[in-house]
Amino acid sequence: MTRNRYAGRRRDLLARLCALSCAVGLGLVAAGPAQAQFLLVPMDRAQQNHLKAYGLTYWALEQEEKAEWLLNYRGGSFLLPDRQDVRREAAFRGVTVEAMDASAEARMRATVQASNMETVPLERAPKVAIYTPPNSTPWDDAVTMALDYAGIDYETIWDDQVIESDLSEYEWIHLHHEDFTGQYSKFFLTYSGAPWLQEEVARNQEVARAGGFADVPALKKHVARTIRDYVDNGGFLFAMCSATETLELALAAEGVDIAAAYSDGTPPDPSASAKMKWDLAMAFTDAQVQVAPSVSSFSDIDAHQVNTPWRKELGVYSLFEFSAKFDPVPAMLTQNHESVLPDFYGLTTAFREDRLKAGTIVLAQEGDWAKYIHGNLGEGTWTYFGGHDPEDAEHQIGDPQTDLALHPNSPGYRLILNNVLFPAAKKQKLKT
């Protein structure tokens, strides 16, 4: 299913005309004098809507306009051509832009050249897919909300499409908060009679039967391996919350039963931790699997253990500053106007650093724990961000949707959108 940005075209046209009228009145669209060469989209505190600024840049790439990402310059600003259509779109979206003539551009580039900054050309709008259940609602997932609010197109895929389709048509795939161990996030401990959980169980069992899999855990292991192959062959993967931890557990549990089957109560292998094949995982190693079906935890990868008696309290997490010239990839993923952010829970909230594989890059840290990590596999990359919703610290099932119009400058949601534009960057060999 594709979310169509062109629905309500007449309403959007009227809004754009109104925005253009306002922009002319404010002097954002020149009525007579010649335009400058570029429009700077500032991403420091001067920006009135950081989240929609990503959507504006993505839109410009869709129009085959040139764009640049100015790493570490004013919060990771964007540079777009100074064209009337770009100005109109910025006004329509409520995004702050600043005209930059040749002299101002030269000063900016001199600053970038002499500092811990870099200009990265953005080539084209990446094709985006979200792995999400067919009955999911937009407020179930922070990435879906971010894309909808920013105005970035995406398609949705689920297990049957992963099995039957060629994932290489997508440059970037996000994993909804899925439990790839096939245990339905152990929600049956609290929500065993809930219609939504019964529907989820029935849907997964039907897909498993149709695909010829023995059970749902076997289906999810196959899906996990297919996603790993997607990364290995050059895909960009982003995951949050339980998808980060359970994808890895499913990969490492080759030939090992780590899931108590929801349908028949078959107990898992008590020696599963010792049999895990961590060389098949991407980010984690040597974790102890939580096989007790009565404990709402997947493993000891997650540091917070939110639904257990030994739950750890939230703190803040800090973004690391990377060299834009020598480490442009982690620099892209951490661009922000804030460096210290309030933490937020998820079924997987943060990662124990002693469970990270060698070579994993920690992008943000909460005390002794990693909150936001990145790594390479083959020709592709993966990025994991712990937690469920950056603007809802203790999100519960049934809670109201987060209204991003109330959080247009959210630094936590900016980290999500950094990842969406990351595949648009012109490929270059790293200097480290």
Foldseek 3Di string as FASTA:
>chain_A
DKDDLCPPVVVLVVLLVVLLVVCVVVVLAPPDDDAAFKKKQAFAVVWPFNLLQLLLVQVCQAVVWKKKFKFPDRLTIMITGPDRVSSSVCSSLVTDIDGAHPVNVVVVVVVQVVDLIDIFIFGHQFAEEEADDPPDDQLQFQLSVSCVSNVHIYYYDYLVCLVPHDPLSGQEYEYRQDQLQQCRLLCCLPPVPPPVVVVVLVVQQVVCVVVVHPGSNRSSLVSLLSVLVSQQVAHEYEYEFNCVVNSQQSQFQVVFRLEQNPPPRNAGDQCSLVRTRNVRGDWFDSWAADRPSNQSAGTVQAPQSCRHPRGDDWDKKFFDDDRCQQCVLLSLLQRHNDGIATFAAHSRGWGQPVGTDPQKAQGMADVRTGQKIKHGHNNGIYIYGYHGHSVHRYDDPPDDRDDCVVVSRRRVSVSSSSSSSSSSTDDDDHND
